Amino acid sequence: MALATIAAAPASPLTSLAGRYSKHFQNGFIDGSKYWSDDVVEIVPVDATHAYVRADLQFYNGHQCSLTGVAKAVGNTLVYREKEITAYEGRQPCTLTVSIKGKSLLLDDGEGTCKAYCGARGTFSGFDFIPSSSKRPITYMARLKGSEEYKGAIEDWKAGKTE
């Protein structure tokens, strides 16, 4: 009797990326004063092929990038893509990918298509400063799912505003 080798299916990015990632670091203002900041990314599966993503990144002089939405699993990456532009006429629709690169969580919007969600010194382009080892389970799921950010992201996705 011959034994067949069954190849394991590749892990879905929904399960492999799901959780809360964070980095606590010292930041600064242009006047030389210092303060503490936290970069936070939350990833929560919504269905078999989609996940809610919230990214709140802090930058020098109090600038930040903040985006919430529902991303689709594509290979080993999550892809958030706007279908329609709701603000800033004349810009390209935001497309943000989320994946693991080496030992970091990588957020990337390619050519800066999500710049509208950032302050002057902020960017999602190639942002890979959050260690993947910081990943923790989300222990406040009821509060997260009750938030206006989560509800709005799900509504936009169901309305077809994002893929």
C-alpha atoms as a PDB file:
ATOM      1  CA  MET A   1       0.000   0.000   0.000  1.00  0.00           C
ATOM      2  CA  ALA A   2       1.440   3.346  -1.001  1.00  0.00           C
ATOM      3  CA  LEU A   3       1.238   6.264   1.365  1.00  0.00           C
ATOM      4  CA  ALA A   4       0.377   9.613  -0.122  1.00  0.00           C
ATOM      5  CA  THR A   5       2.016  12.708   1.225  1.00  0.00           C
ATOM      6  CA  ILE A   6      -0.469  15.409   1.980  1.00  0.00           C
ATOM      7  CA  ALA A   7       0.932  18.885   1.663  1.00  0.00           C
ATOM      8  CA  ALA A   8      -0.198  21.300   4.327  1.00  0.00           C
ATOM      9  CA  ALA A   9      -2.214  24.194   3.010  1.00  0.00           C
ATOM     10  CA  PRO A  10      -0.428  27.507   3.373  1.00  0.00           C
ATOM     11  CA  ALA A  11      -1.536  29.479   6.409  1.00  0.00           C
ATOM     12  CA  SER A  12      -4.115  32.129   5.654  1.00  0.00           C
ATOM     13  CA  PRO A  13      -2.907  35.670   6.341  1.00  0.00           C
ATOM     14  CA  LEU A  14      -6.152  36.100   8.291  1.00  0.00           C
ATOM     15  CA  THR A  15      -5.030  33.658  10.953  1.00  0.00           C
ATOM     16  CA  SER A  16      -1.280  34.183  10.732  1.00  0.00           C
ATOM     17  CA  LEU A  17      -1.520  37.999  10.974  1.00  0.00           C
ATOM     18  CA  ALA A  18      -4.517  38.309  13.340  1.00  0.00           C
ATOM     19  CA  GLY A  19      -3.698  40.067  16.603  1.00  0.00           C
ATOM     20  CA  ARG A  20      -2.419  43.327  18.054  1.00  0.00           C
ATOM     21  CA  TYR A  21       1.044  44.620  17.183  1.00  0.00           C
ATOM     22  CA  SER A  22       2.601  47.539  19.020  1.00  0.00           C
ATOM     23  CA  LYS A  23       5.790  49.452  19.548  1.00  0.00           C
ATOM     24  CA  HIS A  24       6.403  51.897  22.421  1.00  0.00           C
ATOM     25  CA  PHE A  25       9.119  54.422  21.677  1.00  0.00           C
ATOM     26  CA  GLN A  26      10.457  57.863  22.517  1.00  0.00           C
ATOM     27  CA  ASN A  27       9.397  60.516  20.043  1.00  0.00           C
ATOM     28  CA  GLY A  28      10.218  64.201  19.820  1.00  0.00           C
ATOM     29  CA  PHE A  29       9.146  67.683  18.837  1.00  0.00           C
ATOM     30  CA  ILE A  30      11.106  70.059  16.672  1.00  0.00           C
ATOM     31  CA  ASP A  31      11.906  72.156  19.794  1.00  0.00           C
ATOM     32  CA  GLY A  32      13.898  69.205  21.173  1.00  0.00           C
ATOM     33  CA  SER A  33      11.381  68.077  23.781  1.00  0.00           C
ATOM     34  CA  LYS A  34      10.652  64.358  24.037  1.00  0.00           C
ATOM     35  CA  TYR A  35       7.512  62.320  24.610  1.00  0.00           C
ATOM     36  CA  TRP A  36       6.425  58.675  24.425  1.00  0.00           C
ATOM     37  CA  SER A  37       4.456  57.274  21.496  1.00  0.00           C
ATOM     38  CA  ASP A  38       2.866  53.978  20.523  1.00  0.00           C
ATOM     39  CA  ASP A  39       2.450  52.523  17.038  1.00  0.00           C
ATOM     40  CA  VAL A  40      -0.483  50.094  17.045  1.00  0.00           C
ATOM     41  CA  VAL A  41      -1.859  47.773  14.368  1.00  0.00           C
ATOM     42  CA  GLU A  42      -4.890  45.563  15.007  1.00  0.00           C
ATOM     43  CA  ILE A  43      -5.957  42.777  12.638  1.00  0.00           C
ATOM     44  CA  VAL A  44      -9.264  40.942  13.187  1.00  0.00           C
ATOM     45  CA  PRO A  45     -10.709  38.304  10.821  1.00  0.00           C
ATOM     46  CA  VAL A  46     -14.179  39.278   9.536  1.00  0.00           C
ATOM     47  CA  ASP A  47     -14.929  36.263   7.331  1.00  0.00           C
ATOM     48  CA  ALA A  48     -12.969  33.556   5.498  1.00  0.00           C
ATOM     49  CA  THR A  49     -11.196  36.033   3.185  1.00  0.00           C
ATOM     50  CA  HIS A  50     -11.342  39.460   4.881  1.00  0.00           C
ATOM     51  CA  ALA A  51      -9.942  41.123   8.004  1.00  0.00           C
ATOM     52  CA  TYR A  52     -10.494  44.425   9.765  1.00  0.00           C
ATOM     53  CA  VAL A  53      -7.265  46.419   9.955  1.00  0.00           C
ATOM     54  CA  ARG A  54      -6.610  49.455  12.142  1.00  0.00           C
ATOM     55  CA  ALA A  55      -3.246  51.168  11.910  1.00  0.00           C
ATOM     56  CA  ASP A  56      -2.335  54.104  14.145  1.00  0.00           C
ATOM     57  CA  LEU A  57       1.277  55.182  13.613  1.00  0.00           C
ATOM     58  CA  GLN A  58       3.073  58.060  15.323  1.00  0.00           C
ATOM     59  CA  PHE A  59       5.799  60.233  13.814  1.00  0.00           C
ATOM     60  CA  TYR A  60       8.125  63.082  14.731  1.00  0.00           C
ATOM     61  CA  ASN A  61       6.600  66.401  15.825  1.00  0.00           C
ATOM     62  CA  GLY A  62       3.204  64.875  16.637  1.00  0.00           C
ATOM     63  CA  HIS A  63       2.299  63.741  13.128  1.00  0.00           C
ATOM     64  CA  GLN A  64       0.542  60.434  12.563  1.00  0.00           C
ATOM     65  CA  CYS A  65      -1.010  58.028  10.077  1.00  0.00           C
ATOM     66  CA  SER A  66      -4.350  56.521  10.965  1.00  0.00           C
ATOM     67  CA  LEU A  67      -6.408  54.169   8.802  1.00  0.00           C
ATOM     68  CA  THR A  68      -9.176  51.657   9.452  1.00  0.00           C
ATOM     69  CA  GLY A  69     -10.762  49.359   6.908  1.00  0.00           C
ATOM     70  CA  VAL A  70     -11.457  45.836   5.745  1.00  0.00           C
ATOM     71  CA  ALA A  71      -8.654  44.158   3.796  1.00  0.00           C
ATOM     72  CA  LYS A  72      -8.798  41.087   1.565  1.00  0.00           C
ATOM     73  CA  ALA A  73      -6.452  38.104   1.806  1.00  0.00           C
ATOM     74  CA  VAL A  74      -4.283  37.848  -1.318  1.00  0.00           C
ATOM     75  CA  GLY A  75      -1.647  35.128  -1.039  1.00  0.00           C
ATOM     76  CA  ASN A  76       0.164  35.712   2.276  1.00  0.00           C
ATOM     77  CA  THR A  77      -0.762  39.415   2.343  1.00  0.00           C
ATOM     78  CA  LEU A  78      -3.761  41.482   3.364  1.00  0.00           C
ATOM     79  CA  VAL A  79      -4.730  44.184   0.855  1.00  0.00           C
ATOM     80  CA  TYR A  80      -6.923  47.174   1.731  1.00  0.00           C
ATOM     81  CA  ARG A  81      -8.137  48.906  -1.413  1.00  0.00           C
ATOM     82  CA  GLU A  82     -10.523  51.839  -1.746  1.00  0.00           C
ATOM     83  CA  LYS A  83     -12.989  51.474  -4.582  1.00  0.00           C
ATOM     84  CA  GLU A  84     -14.156  55.040  -4.404  1.00  0.00           C
ATOM     85  CA  ILE A  85     -12.518  58.167  -3.146  1.00  0.00           C
ATOM     86  CA  THR A  86     -14.461  59.935  -0.438  1.00  0.00           C
ATOM     87  CA  ALA A  87     -12.138  62.912   0.018  1.00  0.00           C
ATOM     88  CA  TYR A  88      -9.182  64.689  -1.580  1.00  0.00           C
ATOM     89  CA  GLU A  89     -10.338  64.736  -5.201  1.00  0.00           C
ATOM     90  CA  GLY A  90      -7.642  64.027  -7.734  1.00  0.00           C
ATOM     91  CA  ARG A  91      -5.714  61.474  -5.700  1.00  0.00           C
ATOM     92  CA  GLN A  92      -5.311  57.780  -6.420  1.00  0.00           C
ATOM     93  CA  PRO A  93      -7.445  55.375  -4.351  1.00  0.00           C
ATOM     94  CA  CYS A  94      -5.602  54.157  -1.261  1.00  0.00           C
ATOM     95  CA  THR A  95      -4.122  50.660  -1.538  1.00  0.00           C
ATOM     96  CA  LEU A  96      -2.359  49.364   1.583  1.00  0.00           C
ATOM     97  CA  THR A  97      -0.745  45.946   1.985  1.00  0.00           C
ATOM     98  CA  VAL A  98      -0.038  44.243   5.308  1.00  0.00           C
ATOM     99  CA  SER A  99       2.440  41.366   5.557  1.00  0.00           C
ATOM    100  CA  ILE A 100       5.397  40.035   7.512  1.00  0.00           C
ATOM    101  CA  LYS A 101       8.839  41.052   6.247  1.00  0.00           C
ATOM    102  CA  GLY A 102      11.672  39.399   8.108  1.00  0.00           C
ATOM    103  CA  LYS A 103      10.994  40.076  11.782  1.00  0.00           C
ATOM    104  CA  SER A 104       8.650  43.026  11.215  1.00  0.00           C
ATOM    105  CA  LEU A 105       5.064  43.731  10.331  1.00  0.00           C
ATOM    106  CA  LEU A 106       5.198  45.563   6.989  1.00  0.00           C
ATOM    107  CA  LEU A 107       2.629  48.166   5.958  1.00  0.00           C
ATOM    108  CA  ASP A 108       3.093  49.505   2.449  1.00  0.00           C
ATOM    109  CA  ASP A 109       1.069  51.792   0.231  1.00  0.00           C
ATOM    110  CA  GLY A 110       3.449  51.642  -2.706  1.00  0.00           C
ATOM    111  CA  GLU A 111       3.671  55.089  -4.200  1.00  0.00           C
ATOM    112  CA  GLY A 112       2.052  56.870  -1.261  1.00  0.00           C
ATOM    113  CA  THR A 113      -1.556  56.274  -2.286  1.00  0.00           C
ATOM    114  CA  CYS A 114      -2.712  56.459   1.369  1.00  0.00           C
ATOM    115  CA  LYS A 115      -0.965  59.769   2.130  1.00  0.00           C
ATOM    116  CA  ALA A 116      -4.358  61.399   2.771  1.00  0.00           C
ATOM    117  CA  TYR A 117      -4.515  59.375   6.013  1.00  0.00           C
ATOM    118  CA  CYS A 118      -1.203  60.807   7.265  1.00  0.00           C
ATOM    119  CA  GLY A 119       0.149  64.032   8.665  1.00  0.00           C
ATOM    120  CA  ALA A 120       3.054  65.858   7.003  1.00  0.00           C
ATOM    121  CA  ARG A 121       5.796  63.634   8.469  1.00  0.00           C
ATOM    122  CA  GLY A 122       3.833  60.358   8.377  1.00  0.00           C
ATOM    123  CA  THR A 123       3.842  57.612   5.761  1.00  0.00           C
ATOM    124  CA  PHE A 124       2.654  54.068   5.148  1.00  0.00           C
ATOM    125  CA  SER A 125       5.276  53.594   2.408  1.00  0.00           C
ATOM    126  CA  GLY A 126       7.437  50.660   3.469  1.00  0.00           C
ATOM    127  CA  PHE A 127       6.627  51.103   7.178  1.00  0.00           C
ATOM    128  CA  ASP A 128       8.196  48.071   8.869  1.00  0.00           C
ATOM    129  CA  PHE A 129       9.205  49.274  12.306  1.00  0.00           C
ATOM    130  CA  ILE A 130       6.760  47.185  14.354  1.00  0.00           C
ATOM    131  CA  PRO A 131       8.402  43.914  15.442  1.00  0.00           C
ATOM    132  CA  SER A 132       6.297  40.877  14.529  1.00  0.00           C
ATOM    133  CA  SER A 133       7.311  39.477  17.928  1.00  0.00           C
ATOM    134  CA  SER A 134       5.099  42.162  19.546  1.00  0.00           C
ATOM    135  CA  LYS A 135       1.999  40.329  18.274  1.00  0.00           C
ATOM    136  CA  ARG A 136      -0.489  39.616  21.056  1.00  0.00           C
ATOM    137  CA  PRO A 137      -4.043  38.266  21.096  1.00  0.00           C
ATOM    138  CA  ILE A 138      -6.700  40.962  21.211  1.00  0.00           C
ATOM    139  CA  THR A 139      -8.250  40.615  24.671  1.00  0.00           C
ATOM    140  CA  TYR A 140     -10.716  43.502  24.247  1.00  0.00           C
ATOM    141  CA  MET A 141     -12.626  42.127  21.227  1.00  0.00           C
ATOM    142  CA  ALA A 142     -16.097  43.186  22.438  1.00  0.00           C
ATOM    143  CA  ARG A 143     -14.919  46.794  22.919  1.00  0.00           C
ATOM    144  CA  LEU A 144     -13.104  46.787  19.553  1.00  0.00           C
ATOM    145  CA  LYS A 145     -16.157  45.461  17.681  1.00  0.00           C
ATOM    146  CA  GLY A 146     -18.337  48.023  19.444  1.00  0.00           C
ATOM    147  CA  SER A 147     -16.112  50.940  18.364  1.00  0.00           C
ATOM    148  CA  GLU A 148     -17.217  53.484  15.764  1.00  0.00           C
ATOM    149  CA  GLU A 149     -14.033  52.741  13.773  1.00  0.00           C
ATOM    150  CA  TYR A 150     -14.864  49.039  13.452  1.00  0.00           C
ATOM    151  CA  LYS A 151     -18.544  49.633  12.703  1.00  0.00           C
ATOM    152  CA  GLY A 152     -17.684  52.262  10.063  1.00  0.00           C
ATOM    153  CA  ALA A 153     -15.121  50.013   8.376  1.00  0.00           C
ATOM    154  CA  ILE A 154     -17.608  47.122   8.199  1.00  0.00           C
ATOM    155  CA  GLU A 155     -20.349  49.422   6.840  1.00  0.00           C
ATOM    156  CA  ASP A 156     -18.036  50.807   4.132  1.00  0.00           C
ATOM    157  CA  TRP A 157     -16.973  47.280   3.134  1.00  0.00           C
ATOM    158  CA  LYS A 158     -20.561  46.010   2.996  1.00  0.00           C
ATOM    159  CA  ALA A 159     -21.531  49.089   0.956  1.00  0.00           C
ATOM    160  CA  GLY A 160     -18.802  48.223  -1.560  1.00  0.00           C
ATOM    161  CA  LYS A 161     -16.592  51.234  -0.846  1.00  0.00           C
ATOM    162  CA  THR A 162     -13.602  48.921  -0.314  1.00  0.00           C
ATOM    163  CA  GLU A 163     -12.694  45.543  -1.806  1.00  0.00           C
END
